[in-house]
Protein backbone atom coordinates (compact mmCIF):
# COMPACT_ATOMS: atom_id res chain seq x y z
CA MET A 1 163.52 66.13 42.66
CA GLY A 2 167.00 66.39 41.58
CA THR A 3 169.68 68.85 40.41
CA LYS A 4 168.55 68.68 36.92
CA ALA A 5 165.28 69.11 37.78
CA MET A 6 165.72 72.25 40.04
CA HIS A 7 167.72 74.07 37.51
CA VAL A 8 165.08 73.51 35.28
CA SER A 9 162.28 74.63 37.71
CA LYS A 10 164.88 78.07 37.90
CA THR A 11 164.93 78.38 34.11
CA LYS A 12 161.39 78.28 33.84
CA LEU A 13 160.87 80.76 36.80
CA PHE A 14 163.81 83.25 35.18
CA ALA A 15 162.55 83.34 31.81
CA LEU A 16 159.14 84.43 33.34
CA THR A 17 160.87 87.35 34.70
CA MET A 18 162.45 88.13 31.64
CA LEU A 19 159.00 87.98 30.05
CA ALA A 20 157.75 90.65 32.40
CA GLY A 21 159.40 93.02 31.07
CA VAL A 22 163.22 93.19 32.98
CA PHE A 23 164.79 92.57 29.79
CA ALA A 24 164.19 91.54 26.06
CA MET A 25 165.60 88.09 24.53
CA PRO A 26 165.52 88.53 20.39
CA PHE A 27 165.55 85.57 18.48
CA ALA A 28 169.06 85.56 16.73
CA GLY A 29 169.30 83.93 13.89
CA SER A 30 167.07 83.62 10.78
CA ALA A 31 163.96 81.05 9.71
CA GLN A 32 163.82 78.59 7.40
CA GLU A 33 160.32 79.10 5.50
CA VAL A 34 157.44 76.29 6.40
CA ALA A 35 157.14 74.12 3.61
CA PHE A 36 154.55 70.86 2.77
CA ASP A 37 156.63 67.66 4.32
CA GLN A 38 155.15 64.37 2.47
CA ALA A 39 156.98 61.99 5.04
CA LEU A 40 154.82 64.24 7.75
CA GLN A 41 151.62 63.96 5.58
CA ASP A 42 151.93 60.38 5.36
CA MET A 43 152.21 59.70 9.16
CA LEU A 44 148.46 61.15 9.78
CA PRO A 45 145.95 58.55 9.90
CA LYS A 46 144.31 57.43 7.00
CA ALA A 47 140.38 59.16 7.51
CA MET A 48 142.55 62.17 7.71
CA ARG A 49 144.10 62.31 5.06
CA ASP A 50 141.21 61.29 3.24
CA ALA A 51 139.45 63.89 4.76
CA GLY A 52 141.93 66.68 3.93
CA LYS A 53 141.45 68.37 7.50
CA VAL A 54 142.51 67.93 11.28
CA THR A 55 139.73 69.20 13.42
CA VAL A 56 140.83 71.36 16.33
CA ALA A 57 139.33 72.31 19.46
CA THR A 58 140.30 75.82 21.13
CA THR A 59 139.01 78.80 23.32
CA ALA A 60 140.36 81.84 21.52
CA TYR A 61 139.93 84.67 24.59
CA THR A 62 144.09 84.17 25.75
CA PRO A 63 146.35 87.11 24.15
CA PRO A 64 148.71 86.62 22.85
CA ILE A 65 148.43 83.31 23.25
CA VAL A 66 144.83 82.44 21.17
CA PHE A 67 142.53 85.04 20.67
CA MET A 68 139.93 87.06 18.04
CA GLY A 69 141.31 89.21 16.30
CA PRO A 70 140.26 92.72 15.42
CA ASP A 71 137.51 91.59 13.08
CA ASN A 72 136.32 89.41 15.84
CA THR A 73 135.62 86.40 13.06
CA GLU A 74 139.61 85.23 12.74
CA ILE A 75 141.74 83.80 15.59
CA ILE A 76 144.82 84.98 16.07
CA GLY A 77 147.80 84.61 18.61
CA LEU A 78 150.65 82.44 19.17
CA ASP A 79 148.47 78.87 18.92
CA ALA A 80 147.01 80.04 15.59
CA ASP A 81 150.43 80.59 13.96
CA ILE A 82 150.75 77.01 14.76
CA ILE A 83 148.39 75.13 13.67
CA HIS A 84 148.71 77.34 10.56
CA ALA A 85 151.98 76.30 9.97
CA PHE A 86 150.90 72.46 10.77
CA SER A 87 148.27 72.87 7.94
CA THR A 88 151.67 73.80 5.38
CA MET A 89 153.38 70.73 6.82
CA PHE A 90 150.86 68.38 6.62
CA GLY A 91 149.27 69.79 3.56
CA VAL A 92 145.68 69.12 4.86
CA LYS A 93 143.80 71.77 6.52
CA PHE A 94 144.08 72.04 10.69
CA GLU A 95 140.56 73.39 11.22
CA MET A 96 140.25 75.31 14.43
CA THR A 97 136.76 75.66 16.39
CA ASP A 98 136.36 77.91 19.34
CA LEU A 99 134.54 76.27 21.54
CA GLY A 100 134.31 79.32 24.18
CA ASN A 101 134.29 77.47 27.50
CA PHE A 102 137.35 75.63 29.00
CA ALA A 103 135.88 73.07 30.67
CA ALA A 104 134.41 72.17 27.31
CA LEU A 105 137.63 71.12 25.62
CA ILE A 106 138.91 67.72 27.34
CA PRO A 107 134.90 66.00 27.08
CA ALA A 108 134.78 67.16 23.20
CA LEU A 109 138.35 65.89 22.99
CA LYS A 110 137.19 62.66 24.84
CA ALA A 111 133.96 61.87 22.89
CA ARG A 112 136.27 62.16 19.39
CA ARG A 113 134.25 65.49 18.50
CA PHE A 114 137.91 67.04 17.61
CA ASP A 115 140.74 65.56 16.95
CA MET A 116 143.06 67.51 19.04
CA SER A 117 143.39 70.93 20.95
CA ILE A 118 145.59 73.77 21.58
CA SER A 119 144.39 76.10 24.25
CA GLY A 120 146.83 77.14 26.58
CA MET A 121 146.07 73.89 28.10
CA ALA A 122 148.36 73.75 31.29
CA ALA A 123 149.83 69.91 31.86
CA THR A 124 148.87 67.81 34.76
CA VAL A 125 150.10 64.83 35.61
CA GLU A 126 146.01 63.39 36.36
CA ARG A 127 145.15 65.31 33.23
CA GLU A 128 147.71 62.86 31.37
CA LYS A 129 146.28 59.68 32.46
CA GLU A 130 143.46 60.92 30.48
CA MET A 131 144.75 62.61 27.60
CA ASP A 132 148.14 62.84 25.51
CA MET A 133 149.60 66.15 26.21
CA ILE A 134 152.74 67.86 24.27
CA PRO A 135 154.09 70.54 25.63
CA TYR A 136 154.59 73.61 23.48
CA MET A 137 156.03 76.40 25.69
CA TYR A 138 156.65 77.27 29.24
CA ASP A 139 153.59 79.24 30.93
CA GLY A 140 152.56 79.91 35.09
CA LYS A 141 149.73 82.15 36.80
CA THR A 142 150.01 85.02 38.71
CA ILE A 143 146.99 87.34 39.61
CA MET A 144 145.24 90.44 37.78
CA VAL A 145 143.35 92.99 39.91
CA GLN A 146 141.76 95.77 38.88
CA GLN A 147 143.73 98.81 37.87
CA GLY A 148 146.04 100.46 40.39
CA ASN A 149 145.85 97.63 42.66
CA PRO A 150 143.50 99.06 44.72
CA LEU A 151 142.98 96.30 47.52
CA GLY A 152 146.97 96.58 47.82
CA ILE A 153 147.26 92.37 46.81
CA LYS A 154 150.70 91.19 46.87
CA SER A 155 150.77 87.79 46.85
CA MET A 156 148.19 84.45 47.32
CA GLU A 157 147.87 84.67 50.40
CA ASP A 158 146.55 88.27 50.55
CA LEU A 159 143.49 86.53 48.55
CA CYS A 160 142.39 84.61 51.82
CA GLY A 161 138.99 86.02 52.75
CA LYS A 162 138.35 87.69 49.13
CA LYS A 163 136.54 86.61 46.18
CA VAL A 164 138.40 85.45 43.69
CA ALA A 165 137.10 84.62 40.06
CA VAL A 166 138.11 82.11 38.11
CA GLY A 167 137.36 80.03 35.06
CA VAL A 168 135.77 77.08 35.86
CA GLY A 169 137.90 73.15 34.94
CA THR A 170 140.75 75.11 34.78
CA ALA A 171 144.31 74.96 36.48
CA GLN A 172 144.39 78.06 38.03
CA GLU A 173 140.94 77.11 39.37
CA ALA A 174 142.93 73.95 40.69
CA LEU A 175 145.00 76.36 42.76
CA VAL A 176 143.14 79.04 44.06
CA GLN A 177 141.04 75.91 46.13
CA GLN A 178 144.18 74.46 47.17
CA THR A 179 145.83 77.84 48.67
CA SER A 180 141.66 78.45 50.23
CA GLU A 181 141.89 75.08 51.95
CA GLN A 182 146.33 75.03 52.63
CA VAL A 183 147.05 78.05 53.72
CA CYS A 184 144.09 80.44 54.29
CA LYS A 185 142.84 80.46 57.45
CA ASP A 186 140.22 82.71 56.09
CA PRO A 187 138.92 80.55 53.24
CA ILE A 188 139.02 82.10 49.65
CA GLU A 189 135.61 82.92 48.13
CA VAL A 190 136.07 81.24 44.88
CA LEU A 191 133.67 82.41 42.46
CA SER A 192 133.50 79.95 39.08
CA ILE A 193 132.42 81.32 35.88
CA PRO A 194 132.15 79.02 32.61
CA LYS A 195 133.40 82.09 29.99
CA GLN A 196 137.20 83.61 30.27
CA PRO A 197 135.73 86.80 29.24
CA GLU A 198 133.13 86.96 31.83
CA VAL A 199 136.32 86.39 34.50
CA LEU A 200 137.82 89.68 33.68
CA ILE A 201 134.71 91.31 33.65
CA ALA A 202 133.34 90.55 37.36
CA VAL A 203 136.69 91.72 39.05
CA ARG A 204 136.80 94.81 36.43
CA THR A 205 133.30 95.42 37.70
CA GLY A 206 134.56 94.92 41.79
CA ARG A 207 132.26 91.90 41.71
CA ALA A 208 135.47 89.81 42.10
CA ALA A 209 138.36 91.34 44.16
CA ALA A 210 140.62 89.54 42.04
CA THR A 211 141.26 86.43 39.65
CA VAL A 212 144.46 84.42 38.77
CA GLY A 213 145.25 83.21 35.28
CA GLY A 214 148.02 83.06 32.70
CA TYR A 215 150.93 84.38 33.31
CA ALA A 216 151.82 85.42 30.29
CA THR A 217 148.22 86.51 29.16
CA GLY A 218 148.32 89.06 32.27
CA VAL A 219 151.73 90.44 31.21
CA TYR A 220 150.84 90.75 27.36
CA THR A 221 147.22 92.54 28.68
CA THR A 222 148.15 94.40 31.44
CA LYS A 223 151.10 95.93 28.46
CA HIS A 224 148.44 96.20 25.66
CA GLN A 225 145.01 97.02 27.79
CA ILE A 226 142.89 94.76 24.90
CA GLN A 227 139.57 93.26 24.93
CA ASN A 228 138.19 92.48 28.40
CA GLY A 229 141.86 93.27 29.79
CA VAL A 230 141.21 96.94 29.44
CA GLY A 231 141.52 98.28 32.95
CA MET A 232 143.58 95.53 34.36
CA GLU A 233 146.39 94.66 36.16
CA ALA A 234 148.76 91.69 36.33
CA LEU A 235 151.08 91.64 39.37
CA PRO A 236 154.27 90.16 37.77
CA GLU A 237 156.38 89.77 40.67
CA VAL A 238 153.74 86.86 41.63
CA ARG A 239 154.67 83.91 39.51
CA GLN A 240 153.18 80.71 40.44
CA ASP A 241 152.55 76.76 39.32
CA VAL A 242 155.11 77.45 36.49
CA GLY A 243 154.90 74.67 33.72
CA TYR A 244 153.75 74.18 30.31
CA ASN A 245 151.04 74.91 27.65
CA THR A 246 150.18 72.07 25.68
CA ILE A 247 148.59 70.42 22.60
CA ALA A 248 145.88 67.70 23.72
CA LEU A 249 144.67 64.94 22.59
CA ALA A 250 142.45 61.19 23.22
CA LYS A 251 144.78 58.80 24.45
CA GLY A 252 144.91 56.30 21.78
CA ASN A 253 145.22 58.28 18.98
CA ASP A 254 148.63 57.79 18.50
CA GLU A 255 149.57 57.77 14.62
CA LEU A 256 148.56 61.66 15.27
CA ARG A 257 150.29 62.13 18.48
CA ASP A 258 153.45 60.77 16.84
CA ALA A 259 152.86 63.09 13.68
CA LEU A 260 152.69 66.57 15.96
CA LEU A 261 155.29 65.35 17.68
CA LYS A 262 158.00 65.50 14.29
CA ALA A 263 156.38 68.24 13.19
CA PHE A 264 156.73 70.44 16.21
CA GLN A 265 160.31 69.44 16.51
CA LYS A 266 161.24 70.09 12.84
CA LEU A 267 159.06 73.63 13.95
CA ILE A 268 161.64 73.82 16.69
CA ASP A 269 164.48 72.86 14.28
CA SER A 270 163.62 75.36 11.67
CA GLY A 271 163.95 78.30 13.78
CA SER A 272 160.05 79.17 13.00
CA TYR A 273 158.91 78.55 16.41
CA ALA A 274 160.95 80.76 17.51
CA LYS A 275 159.87 83.44 15.36
CA MET A 276 156.50 83.31 16.21
CA LEU A 277 157.01 83.49 20.12
CA GLU A 278 158.94 86.04 18.98
CA LYS A 279 156.27 88.09 17.19
CA TRP A 280 153.94 87.06 20.39
CA GLU A 281 156.66 88.44 22.68
CA LEU A 282 156.99 85.14 24.06
CA ALA A 283 160.34 84.57 23.31
CA PRO A 284 161.23 83.86 27.17
CA LEU A 285 159.01 80.68 26.91
CA ALA A 286 160.04 78.82 24.36
CA ILE A 287 160.35 75.20 24.86
CA GLU A 288 163.65 73.67 23.79
CA ASN A 289 162.83 70.55 22.23
CA ALA A 290 159.64 68.45 21.81
CA ARG A 291 158.73 66.09 24.10
CA LEU A 292 155.14 63.85 25.67
CA ASN A 293 153.45 63.40 29.01
CA ASP A 294 156.14 65.74 30.68
CA ALA A 295 153.94 67.11 33.85
CA ALA A 296 155.87 64.75 36.07
CA ASN A 297 159.12 66.33 35.57
CA LEU A 298 158.36 69.71 36.48
CA LYS A 299 159.32 70.79 39.42
CA LYS A 300 156.37 72.95 41.67
CA ASN A 301 156.68 76.22 42.59
């Protein structure tokens, strides 16, 4: 790729370094109030306007992006804040449902059980062939190990010959399999587990040596020691496969897609999006503008 792509890649890597605590990026300026916008509502498909809701699939176990609150009944995090803003802006309820299993998201969208998803789904060229994907933040992948890193793991290459737990159907699973096939003389034993909380439990209990997960979630979990990340430690110096987390829709849902693109740009322009990221300690990972199906423009690293 050209010079521009190289610059974008370096910017993303720098953002992840900042997220790991090298220094902070405070939000400068004041956010405008999120408000109802009749023009946005008019862009929605008639069936959604008549029903008064848009159905949203998620998997609520990746703090601070999307996870269950302390009472284990309310979905919170950056994704939930974006969805709450959309509900206000469109004047219809965006109703989130936790599927509990990441591998269920794309089949549910393709079967039209849900109108959209927001769940930290990574953009890939392959996924964009069957889904429309709207990036809403940068993210990457890192390794998580037991606190104290008893096996001294420092890189993806150090996973060779070890058992590594990953979520079924995730980009992390694909990355670990690719590492095993292309880098390792002694293959990685890939332990694919349907539910992410059980992936972390496998590492914490010693059933697996490590996992590869989302960078933002790994750093946040290590710092705050919450939920199933208690007793776990991210390796912030490992920054792999930097790219986008996205809102995803089945192909052919053009009216909703275009409405979401416009609404997300308004959220960025108002300053509200930046405040949401700041709230969840994700400010360095802000998307600069609304875009669609942009995975091909990401330089792999």
